[in-house]
Protein backbone atom coordinates (compact mmCIF):
# COMPACT_ATOMS: atom_id res chain seq x y z
CA UNK A 1 0.00 0.00 0.00
CA UNK A 2 1.26 3.49 -0.87
CA UNK A 3 1.93 6.02 1.89
CA UNK A 4 -0.92 8.27 0.79
CA UNK A 5 -3.53 5.51 0.74
CA UNK A 6 -6.00 5.08 3.59
CA UNK A 7 -7.17 1.61 4.50
CA UNK A 8 -10.55 0.67 5.91
CA UNK A 9 -10.59 -0.41 9.57
CA UNK A 10 -9.16 -3.89 9.77
CA UNK A 11 -10.85 -6.15 12.33
CA UNK A 12 -8.84 -7.82 15.04
CA UNK A 13 -10.14 -11.39 15.21
CA UNK A 14 -10.41 -13.05 18.60
CA UNK A 15 -10.77 -16.79 18.77
CA UNK A 16 -13.49 -17.83 21.17
CA UNK A 17 -14.09 -21.37 22.37
CA UNK A 18 -16.60 -21.87 19.57
CA UNK A 19 -16.30 -19.07 17.01
CA UNK A 20 -14.18 -16.18 15.83
CA UNK A 21 -15.27 -12.69 16.89
CA UNK A 22 -14.46 -9.10 16.00
CA UNK A 23 -14.06 -6.11 18.30
CA UNK A 24 -15.87 -2.85 17.72
CA UNK A 25 -14.69 0.17 19.69
CA UNK A 26 -15.90 3.73 20.00
CA UNK A 27 -14.35 6.34 22.28
CA UNK A 28 -15.41 9.43 24.15
CA UNK A 29 -12.34 11.52 24.90
CA UNK A 30 -12.67 14.14 27.62
CA UNK A 31 -10.06 16.82 26.95
CA UNK A 32 -9.64 19.66 29.44
CA UNK A 33 -9.59 22.96 27.59
CA UNK A 34 -6.33 24.87 28.04
CA UNK A 35 -7.70 27.98 29.73
CA UNK A 36 -6.75 29.88 32.87
CA UNK A 37 -10.41 30.30 33.83
CA UNK A 38 -13.32 27.85 34.03
CA UNK A 39 -16.13 27.49 31.50
CA UNK A 40 -18.75 29.50 33.37
CA UNK A 41 -16.76 31.41 36.02
CA UNK A 42 -13.50 33.28 36.44
CA UNK A 43 -12.10 30.80 38.97
CA UNK A 44 -8.60 29.46 38.33
CA UNK A 45 -7.99 26.09 36.69
CA UNK A 46 -4.49 25.68 38.19
CA UNK A 47 -3.71 22.04 38.94
CA UNK A 48 -2.44 21.08 42.39
CA UNK A 49 -3.94 23.97 44.36
CA UNK A 50 -5.17 23.44 47.92
CA UNK A 51 -8.51 21.58 47.93
CA UNK A 52 -11.51 23.85 47.42
CA UNK A 53 -9.35 26.94 46.89
CA UNK A 54 -10.30 27.47 43.21
CA UNK A 55 -14.05 27.67 43.74
CA UNK A 56 -16.23 30.66 42.91
CA UNK A 57 -19.82 31.27 44.03
CA UNK A 58 -20.94 30.02 40.60
CA UNK A 59 -18.96 26.77 40.99
CA UNK A 60 -20.40 26.27 44.46
CA UNK A 61 -23.94 26.80 43.07
CA UNK A 62 -24.76 29.48 45.59
CA UNK A 63 -28.35 30.79 45.24
CA UNK A 64 -28.80 33.43 42.56
CA UNK A 65 -25.41 32.76 40.89
CA UNK A 66 -25.66 32.48 37.10
CA UNK A 67 -23.11 30.98 34.66
CA UNK A 68 -21.39 33.28 32.16
CA UNK A 69 -19.79 31.65 29.12
CA UNK A 70 -16.01 31.92 28.74
CA UNK A 71 -15.46 33.08 25.14
CA UNK A 72 -11.89 31.78 25.07
CA UNK A 73 -13.11 28.22 25.84
CA UNK A 74 -15.53 28.51 22.92
CA UNK A 75 -12.66 29.62 20.69
CA UNK A 76 -10.57 26.64 21.82
CA UNK A 77 -13.38 24.23 20.96
CA UNK A 78 -13.79 25.81 17.51
CA UNK A 79 -10.03 25.59 16.93
CA UNK A 80 -10.11 21.89 17.88
CA UNK A 81 -12.93 21.26 15.44
CA UNK A 82 -11.06 22.99 12.66
CA UNK A 83 -7.95 20.94 13.46
CA UNK A 84 -10.01 17.75 12.99
CA UNK A 85 -11.48 18.92 9.67
CA UNK A 86 -14.86 19.04 11.38
CA UNK A 87 -18.01 21.04 10.73
CA UNK A 88 -18.32 24.09 12.98
CA UNK A 89 -21.92 24.64 13.99
CA UNK A 90 -22.68 28.36 14.00
CA UNK A 91 -25.66 27.61 16.25
CA UNK A 92 -25.15 25.55 19.41
CA UNK A 93 -26.93 25.30 22.72
CA UNK A 94 -26.25 24.20 26.28
CA UNK A 95 -28.42 21.64 28.05
CA UNK A 96 -28.81 20.48 31.60
CA UNK A 97 -27.91 16.85 32.20
CA UNK A 98 -29.73 15.80 35.36
CA UNK A 99 -27.91 13.12 37.27
CA UNK A 100 -26.71 12.51 40.83
CA UNK A 101 -23.31 14.18 41.09
CA UNK A 102 -21.95 14.04 44.65
CA UNK A 103 -19.12 16.37 43.56
CA UNK A 104 -21.17 18.83 41.48
CA UNK A 105 -23.08 21.11 43.91
CA UNK A 106 -25.73 22.29 41.44
CA UNK A 107 -26.97 18.71 40.99
CA UNK A 108 -26.80 18.75 37.20
CA UNK A 109 -24.13 19.15 34.55
CA UNK A 110 -24.24 21.87 31.91
CA UNK A 111 -23.41 20.10 28.66
CA UNK A 112 -24.51 19.99 25.01
CA UNK A 113 -26.62 17.17 23.63
CA UNK A 114 -28.98 18.33 20.92
CA UNK A 115 -26.89 21.12 19.40
CA UNK A 116 -23.12 20.58 19.90
CA UNK A 117 -20.63 23.26 18.89
CA UNK A 118 -18.71 20.92 16.53
CA UNK A 119 -20.13 18.36 14.12
CA UNK A 120 -18.55 15.56 12.11
CA UNK A 121 -14.79 15.41 11.61
CA UNK A 122 -12.03 12.82 11.35
CA UNK A 123 -8.71 11.68 12.77
CA UNK A 124 -6.13 10.05 10.50
CA UNK A 125 -4.33 7.33 12.47
CA UNK A 126 -1.01 5.97 11.20
CA UNK A 127 -0.55 2.36 12.23
CA UNK A 128 2.83 1.91 10.47
CA UNK A 129 4.80 3.27 7.50
CA UNK A 130 2.27 2.03 4.95
CA UNK A 131 -1.02 1.65 6.77
CA UNK A 132 -3.32 4.49 7.83
CA UNK A 133 -6.90 4.50 9.07
CA UNK A 134 -9.55 7.18 9.31
CA UNK A 135 -11.56 7.30 12.53
CA UNK A 136 -14.67 9.40 12.14
CA UNK A 137 -15.51 11.94 14.83
CA UNK A 138 -19.25 12.23 15.39
CA UNK A 139 -19.23 15.45 17.44
CA UNK A 140 -17.42 17.62 19.94
CA UNK A 141 -19.38 19.33 22.68
CA UNK A 142 -18.43 21.63 25.51
CA UNK A 143 -19.34 20.77 29.08
CA UNK A 144 -18.27 21.46 32.63
CA UNK A 145 -16.23 18.97 34.63
CA UNK A 146 -17.30 17.66 38.01
CA UNK A 147 -15.24 17.81 41.19
CA UNK A 148 -13.33 15.00 42.83
CA UNK A 149 -14.51 12.66 45.56
CA UNK A 150 -11.77 11.55 47.97
CA UNK A 151 -12.36 8.22 49.72
CA UNK A 152 -8.98 7.39 51.29
CA UNK A 153 -8.66 10.06 53.99
CA UNK A 154 -11.11 8.58 56.50
CA UNK A 155 -12.53 5.06 56.86
CA UNK A 156 -16.05 6.35 57.49
CA UNK A 157 -16.35 9.47 55.35
CA UNK A 158 -15.74 10.73 51.85
CA UNK A 159 -14.48 14.23 51.13
CA UNK A 160 -15.10 16.44 48.12
CA UNK A 161 -12.62 18.74 46.34
CA UNK A 162 -14.45 21.18 44.05
CA UNK A 163 -11.37 22.66 42.35
CA UNK A 164 -12.16 20.88 39.07
CA UNK A 165 -15.85 21.75 39.25
CA UNK A 166 -16.74 23.89 36.26
CA UNK A 167 -13.46 23.35 34.40
CA UNK A 168 -14.13 23.34 30.65
CA UNK A 169 -14.07 19.98 28.90
CA UNK A 170 -14.33 19.08 25.24
CA UNK A 171 -15.98 15.69 24.83
CA UNK A 172 -14.76 14.26 21.53
CA UNK A 173 -17.04 11.41 20.48
CA UNK A 174 -15.86 8.98 17.82
CA UNK A 175 -17.88 6.66 15.63
CA UNK A 176 -17.39 2.94 16.37
CA UNK A 177 -14.64 2.76 13.75
CA UNK A 178 -11.82 1.38 15.92
CA UNK A 179 -11.19 -2.35 15.52
CA UNK A 180 -8.58 -3.33 18.10
CA UNK A 181 -6.63 -2.32 21.24
CA UNK A 182 -3.55 -1.10 19.35
CA UNK A 183 -5.68 1.03 17.05
CA UNK A 184 -7.51 2.49 20.07
CA UNK A 185 -4.23 3.53 21.69
CA UNK A 186 -2.98 4.94 18.37
CA UNK A 187 -6.19 6.97 18.01
CA UNK A 188 -5.85 8.46 21.50
CA UNK A 189 -2.18 9.19 20.83
CA UNK A 190 -2.91 10.92 17.53
CA UNK A 191 -5.74 12.96 19.00
CA UNK A 192 -3.54 13.99 21.93
CA UNK A 193 -0.80 14.99 19.48
CA UNK A 194 -3.19 17.19 17.47
CA UNK A 195 -4.59 18.87 20.60
CA UNK A 196 -1.10 19.69 21.82
CA UNK A 197 -0.13 21.15 18.43
CA UNK A 198 -3.28 23.27 18.48
CA UNK A 199 -2.66 24.34 22.08
CA UNK A 200 -6.26 23.55 23.05
CA UNK A 201 -5.42 20.82 25.62
CA UNK A 202 -2.09 19.98 27.25
CA UNK A 203 -2.86 16.25 26.97
CA UNK A 204 -1.61 15.48 30.48
CA UNK A 205 -3.20 12.09 31.14
CA UNK A 206 -1.57 11.69 34.55
CA UNK A 207 -3.39 14.78 35.85
CA UNK A 208 -6.65 13.70 34.24
CA UNK A 209 -6.57 16.48 31.64
CA UNK A 210 -7.12 13.87 28.94
CA UNK A 211 -9.09 10.75 29.72
CA UNK A 212 -11.13 8.28 27.73
CA UNK A 213 -14.38 6.40 28.10
CA UNK A 214 -14.05 3.29 25.93
CA UNK A 215 -17.13 1.58 24.47
CA UNK A 216 -16.46 -2.07 23.61
CA UNK A 217 -18.67 -4.62 21.88
CA UNK A 218 -18.08 -7.82 19.92
CA UNK A 219 -19.78 -9.20 16.82
CA UNK A 220 -19.43 -12.05 14.37
CA UNK A 221 -17.19 -11.52 11.30
CA UNK A 222 -18.98 -9.58 8.59
CA UNK A 223 -21.47 -7.83 10.85
CA UNK A 224 -19.42 -4.64 11.05
CA UNK A 225 -19.56 -4.32 7.27
CA UNK A 226 -23.36 -4.56 7.50
CA UNK A 227 -23.33 -1.74 10.05
CA UNK A 228 -21.24 0.45 7.73
CA UNK A 229 -23.71 -0.18 4.89
CA UNK A 230 -26.88 0.36 6.92
CA UNK A 231 -25.73 2.49 9.88
CA UNK A 232 -27.79 0.13 12.03
CA UNK A 233 -26.16 -0.44 15.41
CA UNK A 234 -27.95 -3.76 15.93
CA UNK A 235 -25.16 -5.48 14.00
CA UNK A 236 -22.49 -4.38 16.48
CA UNK A 237 -23.63 -6.18 19.61
CA UNK A 238 -24.29 -4.70 23.05
CA UNK A 239 -21.61 -2.29 24.15
CA UNK A 240 -20.15 -1.77 27.60
CA UNK A 241 -18.41 1.44 28.56
CA UNK A 242 -15.10 1.39 30.44
CA UNK A 243 -14.93 4.67 32.34
CA UNK A 244 -12.12 7.17 32.93
CA UNK A 245 -9.09 5.55 31.29
CA UNK A 246 -5.96 7.69 31.46
CA UNK A 247 -3.21 5.34 30.25
CA UNK A 248 -2.48 4.05 26.74
CA UNK A 249 -1.28 0.75 28.17
CA UNK A 250 -4.33 0.24 30.36
CA UNK A 251 -6.68 1.20 27.52
CA UNK A 252 -5.28 -1.70 25.48
CA UNK A 253 -5.38 -4.16 28.38
CA UNK A 254 -8.93 -3.15 29.37
CA UNK A 255 -10.25 -3.53 25.80
CA UNK A 256 -8.66 -6.96 25.42
CA UNK A 257 -10.09 -8.17 28.74
CA UNK A 258 -13.56 -6.75 28.14
CA UNK A 259 -13.85 -8.23 24.64
CA UNK A 260 -12.91 -11.69 25.93
CA UNK A 261 -15.34 -11.32 28.84
CA UNK A 262 -18.20 -10.56 26.47
CA UNK A 263 -17.28 -13.42 24.13
CA UNK A 264 -17.29 -15.86 27.04
CA UNK A 265 -20.76 -14.71 28.09
CA UNK A 266 -22.17 -14.97 24.56
CA UNK A 267 -20.67 -18.39 23.83
CA UNK A 268 -22.13 -19.70 27.11
CA UNK A 269 -25.57 -18.64 25.87
CA UNK A 270 -25.77 -15.55 28.06
CA UNK A 271 -26.57 -11.94 27.27
CA UNK A 272 -24.26 -8.94 27.53
CA UNK A 273 -25.97 -6.13 29.43
CA UNK A 274 -25.23 -2.52 28.58
CA UNK A 275 -23.42 -1.03 31.55
CA UNK A 276 -20.62 1.19 32.74
CA UNK A 277 -17.55 -0.64 34.01
CA UNK A 278 -14.27 0.30 35.71
CA UNK A 279 -10.86 -1.20 34.94
CA UNK A 280 -8.83 -2.62 37.83
CA UNK A 281 -5.18 -2.40 36.73
CA UNK A 282 -3.90 -4.57 39.59
CA UNK A 283 -6.21 -7.46 38.73
CA UNK A 284 -6.32 -6.68 35.00
CA UNK A 285 -10.09 -6.94 34.87
CA UNK A 286 -13.14 -4.77 34.37
CA UNK A 287 -15.83 -4.54 37.07
CA UNK A 288 -19.43 -3.42 36.87
CA UNK A 289 -19.99 0.14 38.09
CA UNK A 290 -23.63 0.80 37.17
CA UNK A 291 -26.16 0.06 34.47
CA UNK A 292 -25.57 2.27 31.45
CA UNK A 293 -28.06 5.10 31.15
CA UNK A 294 -29.52 6.29 27.87
CA UNK A 295 -29.92 9.97 26.99
CA UNK A 296 -33.55 10.04 28.13
CA UNK A 297 -32.52 8.77 31.57
CA UNK A 298 -30.61 12.00 32.17
CA UNK A 299 -33.73 14.12 31.50
CA UNK A 300 -31.90 16.62 29.30
CA UNK A 301 -33.51 19.97 28.66
CA UNK A 302 -32.14 23.32 27.37
CA UNK A 303 -30.27 25.24 30.07
CA UNK A 304 -32.49 28.20 31.00
CA UNK A 305 -29.55 30.22 32.33
CA UNK A 306 -27.61 30.38 29.04
CA UNK A 307 -28.61 31.79 25.68
CA UNK A 308 -27.77 29.71 22.59
CA UNK A 309 -24.35 30.35 21.06
CA UNK A 310 -24.58 32.03 17.68
CA UNK A 311 -21.20 32.36 15.97
CA UNK A 312 -20.26 34.58 13.05
CA UNK A 313 -18.65 32.77 10.12
CA UNK A 314 -16.09 35.57 9.90
CA UNK A 315 -15.03 34.84 13.50
CA UNK A 316 -14.59 31.14 12.69
CA UNK A 317 -12.64 32.04 9.53
CA UNK A 318 -10.30 34.26 11.56
CA UNK A 319 -9.55 31.35 13.92
CA UNK A 320 -8.93 29.05 10.96
CA UNK A 321 -6.51 31.52 9.40
CA UNK A 322 -4.33 31.37 12.52
CA UNK A 323 -4.22 27.58 12.88
CA UNK A 324 -0.68 26.27 13.43
CA UNK A 325 0.95 23.67 11.22
CA UNK A 326 -0.51 20.31 12.27
CA UNK A 327 1.42 17.03 12.78
CA UNK A 328 0.76 15.41 9.39
CA UNK A 329 1.67 18.60 7.53
CA UNK A 330 4.81 19.07 9.57
CA UNK A 331 5.86 15.45 9.11
CA UNK A 332 5.47 15.71 5.32
CA UNK A 333 7.53 18.92 5.32
CA UNK A 334 10.30 17.32 7.37
CA UNK A 335 10.48 14.46 4.87
CA UNK A 336 10.43 16.68 1.78
CA UNK A 337 12.50 19.63 3.00
CA UNK A 338 15.00 17.98 5.35
CA UNK A 339 15.28 14.61 3.59
CA UNK A 340 14.23 12.61 6.64
CA UNK A 341 12.87 9.08 6.58
CA UNK A 342 9.24 8.50 7.45
CA UNK A 343 10.35 6.97 10.75
CA UNK A 344 12.63 9.84 11.76
CA UNK A 345 10.04 12.44 10.81
CA UNK A 346 7.42 10.52 12.82
CA UNK A 347 9.61 10.43 15.93
CA UNK A 348 10.44 14.14 15.73
CA UNK A 349 6.87 15.28 15.12
CA UNK A 350 5.34 12.98 17.75
CA UNK A 351 5.34 15.94 20.11
CA UNK A 352 5.23 19.62 19.20
CA UNK A 353 8.09 20.51 21.56
CA UNK A 354 10.32 17.89 19.93
CA UNK A 355 9.45 19.18 16.49
CA UNK A 356 10.23 22.76 17.53
CA UNK A 357 13.57 21.68 19.03
CA UNK A 358 14.53 19.94 15.79
CA UNK A 359 13.58 22.94 13.66
CA UNK A 360 15.66 25.29 15.82
CA UNK A 361 18.73 23.07 15.48
CA UNK A 362 18.24 22.12 11.82
CA UNK A 363 17.95 25.70 10.56
CA UNK A 364 20.67 26.09 7.87
CA UNK A 365 22.15 22.71 8.85
CA UNK A 366 22.09 19.14 7.54
CA UNK A 367 18.63 17.85 8.49
CA UNK A 368 19.54 14.17 8.50
CA UNK A 369 22.62 14.71 10.68
CA UNK A 370 20.57 16.85 13.04
CA UNK A 371 17.82 14.22 13.25
CA UNK A 372 20.35 11.48 14.01
CA UNK A 373 21.86 13.44 16.87
CA UNK A 374 18.52 14.40 18.39
CA UNK A 375 16.94 10.94 18.10
CA UNK A 376 19.95 8.85 19.08
CA UNK A 377 22.05 10.97 21.43
CA UNK A 378 19.67 13.54 22.91
CA UNK A 379 16.52 11.41 23.20
CA UNK A 380 18.59 8.46 24.41
CA UNK A 381 20.06 10.51 27.24
CA UNK A 382 16.73 12.15 28.08
CA UNK A 383 15.10 8.73 28.39
CA UNK A 384 17.93 7.46 30.55
CA UNK A 385 17.62 10.43 32.90
CA UNK A 386 13.77 10.36 32.73
CA UNK A 387 13.65 13.94 31.51
CA UNK A 388 11.41 15.67 28.99
CA UNK A 389 12.88 17.77 26.19
CA UNK A 390 11.77 21.03 27.81
CA UNK A 391 14.21 20.24 30.66
CA UNK A 392 17.11 19.18 28.46
CA UNK A 393 20.46 20.46 29.76
CA UNK A 394 21.64 20.69 26.12
CA UNK A 395 19.92 23.63 24.47
CA UNK A 396 19.32 24.03 20.77
CA UNK A 397 22.17 26.49 20.22
CA UNK A 398 24.62 24.15 21.98
CA UNK A 399 23.63 21.09 19.94
CA UNK A 400 23.72 23.24 16.81
CA UNK A 401 27.35 24.18 17.54
CA UNK A 402 28.28 20.51 18.04
CA UNK A 403 26.75 19.66 14.65
CA UNK A 404 28.61 22.60 13.06
CA UNK A 405 31.90 21.28 14.46
CA UNK A 406 31.16 17.83 13.00
CA UNK A 407 30.15 19.26 9.62
CA UNK A 408 33.31 21.36 9.37
CA UNK A 409 35.35 18.28 10.37
CA UNK A 410 36.85 20.15 13.29
CA UNK A 411 35.92 17.20 15.50
CA UNK A 412 35.23 13.53 14.80
CA UNK A 413 32.03 11.72 15.68
CA UNK A 414 33.76 10.08 18.65
CA UNK A 415 35.00 13.41 19.99
CA UNK A 416 31.53 14.90 19.38
CA UNK A 417 30.02 12.36 21.75
CA UNK A 418 32.58 13.25 24.40
CA UNK A 419 31.81 16.92 23.84
CA UNK A 420 28.08 16.23 24.16
CA UNK A 421 28.68 14.60 27.55
CA UNK A 422 30.66 17.60 28.77
CA UNK A 423 27.94 20.02 27.67
CA UNK A 424 25.25 17.81 29.24
CA UNK A 425 27.05 17.61 32.59
CA UNK A 426 28.67 21.05 32.85
CA UNK A 427 27.14 23.24 30.16
CA UNK A 428 29.23 25.79 28.31
CA UNK A 429 29.94 26.86 24.76
CA UNK A 430 30.92 23.79 22.67
CA UNK A 431 33.34 25.71 20.43
CA UNK A 432 35.13 27.18 23.43
CA UNK A 433 35.32 23.76 25.10
CA UNK A 434 36.95 22.26 22.00
CA UNK A 435 39.64 24.97 22.04
CA UNK A 436 40.23 24.85 25.79
CA UNK A 437 40.55 21.05 25.93
CA UNK A 438 42.40 20.62 22.65
CA UNK A 439 39.69 18.37 21.22
CA UNK A 440 40.01 19.55 17.62
CA UNK A 441 40.49 16.85 15.01
CA UNK A 442 43.99 16.35 13.61
CA UNK A 443 43.94 16.90 9.85
CA UNK A 444 47.68 17.34 9.37
CA UNK A 445 48.50 14.53 6.91
CA UNK A 446 52.20 14.45 7.89
CA UNK A 447 51.38 14.03 11.58
CA UNK A 448 48.81 11.31 10.88
CA UNK A 449 51.21 9.55 8.47
CA UNK A 450 53.82 9.36 11.21
CA UNK A 451 51.39 7.46 13.45
CA UNK A 452 50.30 5.20 10.57
CA UNK A 453 53.91 4.28 9.76
CA UNK A 454 54.58 3.54 13.40
CA UNK A 455 51.58 1.20 13.77
CA UNK A 456 52.40 -0.62 10.51
CA UNK A 457 56.07 -1.12 11.42
CA UNK A 458 55.18 -2.47 14.88
CA UNK A 459 52.69 -5.03 13.51
CA UNK A 460 54.22 -6.85 10.49
CA UNK A 461 52.18 -10.03 11.09
CA UNK A 462 48.94 -8.06 11.07
CA UNK A 463 50.01 -6.39 7.81
CA UNK A 464 50.43 -9.78 6.11
CA UNK A 465 47.01 -10.89 7.35
CA UNK A 466 45.43 -7.69 6.06
CA UNK A 467 46.91 -8.24 2.61
CA UNK A 468 45.03 -11.52 2.34
CA UNK A 469 41.94 -10.20 4.11
CA UNK A 470 41.44 -6.46 3.37
CA UNK A 471 38.72 -6.18 6.01
CA UNK A 472 41.44 -6.34 8.66
CA UNK A 473 42.64 -2.90 7.56
CA UNK A 474 40.01 -1.54 9.93
CA UNK A 475 42.13 -2.78 12.81
CA UNK A 476 44.92 -0.35 11.82
CA UNK A 477 42.43 2.54 11.61
CA UNK A 478 41.30 1.77 15.15
CA UNK A 479 44.90 1.64 16.43
CA UNK A 480 45.76 5.02 14.89
CA UNK A 481 42.62 6.64 16.30
CA UNK A 482 43.43 5.16 19.69
CA UNK A 483 46.97 6.49 19.54
CA UNK A 484 45.69 9.98 18.68
CA UNK A 485 42.88 9.89 21.31
CA UNK A 486 40.34 9.86 18.50
CA UNK A 487 41.52 13.18 17.08
CA UNK A 488 42.88 11.90 13.76
CA UNK A 489 40.58 12.33 10.79
CA UNK A 490 39.30 8.76 10.14
CA UNK A 491 38.99 9.33 6.38
CA UNK A 492 42.62 10.47 6.14
CA UNK A 493 43.77 7.55 8.30
CA UNK A 494 41.89 5.02 6.15
CA UNK A 495 43.28 6.45 2.92
CA UNK A 496 46.90 6.36 4.18
CA UNK A 497 46.60 2.80 5.48
CA UNK A 498 45.15 1.55 2.17
CA UNK A 499 48.00 3.20 0.27
CA UNK A 500 50.71 1.76 2.45
CA UNK A 501 49.40 -1.78 2.92
CA UNK A 502 47.91 -2.43 -0.51
CA UNK A 503 50.31 -0.43 -2.68
């Protein structure tokens, strides 16, 4: 398959005791909007604040307090929709979702059901170098987050932290187009990548700023194709929702377990009941949380405290005109402009901060050499030290100087690695360090020839072996480099040795 071709979702077959089955997966991603203020109040969204310190009268649902829409959160939702090639609905409306929320004082959630702000879009998921899938996005709606219930501070009581209450969320609802655990994780990863490029969500899954509800069902082979033809969900089997997943690894494990659980029930003649389940990572199993409600169970009705949102097309167009370069566009540019492989470009564009680091270093330099140093040396050391690129001790200007010294042949690759270590540990200007420590590469042919002659004269037996097996000439190159502490130009050394041994 060519790189620019898009394949249809490929089912992941699971062998049951009696039959083969296929997974069908849909996802609801809750992405916290990157905003300093909440969706309907001016309270701070800062993570890690003292419990109940970021709570306004609106968040606490004090009598007479009315929500006021945060325009910036609306803009962020529109920007997200545009980044997913989605329809922006110029008319949208907020609804009340009535449900028992122990950590939402008003007793209902302000969300969007009937008229979401963003309509249908898509996410292009790259599974490997030659295989890509399109996952359709059904809608994106804005809603307020609930607070947090704390159960481990007292054996007899639960506590409530309302700091998250009212924080703006974008709920990104996919179609059931995902066909396996790996594809589900790839979809979440790609969506997270796009959101971070757009700057609409920081994607921090550990803090709960990006979390997924995963809907899993199983069906017999061929039934999914019938669904795609008819759009009739009866072909997909009964789905169960796994709630609040915030780990790529656990998403895959939970899907695999849940699919096998459902298959076991069906093959024993039982019936899968629609419900909400939780994933227990320690036991690697899903557990029933509650029966799954339908929309009518929440008794939705239009929020009487908020007017409908009516957007001007010119306002949407202005947001679109300022969209940043997105991951797929940037990856293609890195391949075409810098001559990178698909793999290297994928690694560098996986995160926007990595891509920006590469671009800073690669400006007016060899792109492939720059990519090699960032991926192999820098990323390798960052992983070893468990650091992120924002905290790298080696800044872009420092790595750029190291690459300049390699390109000008002032230092060898071996010396460059030693220089990198010095800069990592102690900092400093690489060019100055090379001068101060005498690390510059020896290019004086006469000086190098002296060392070559010495090594050859001291090892006559090795010379005879090399004459019958030319590959052994590499041994002499290594000895000369060792004698010169790696400063001799390897190309010059190799040329002299070949002349003298094979003349």
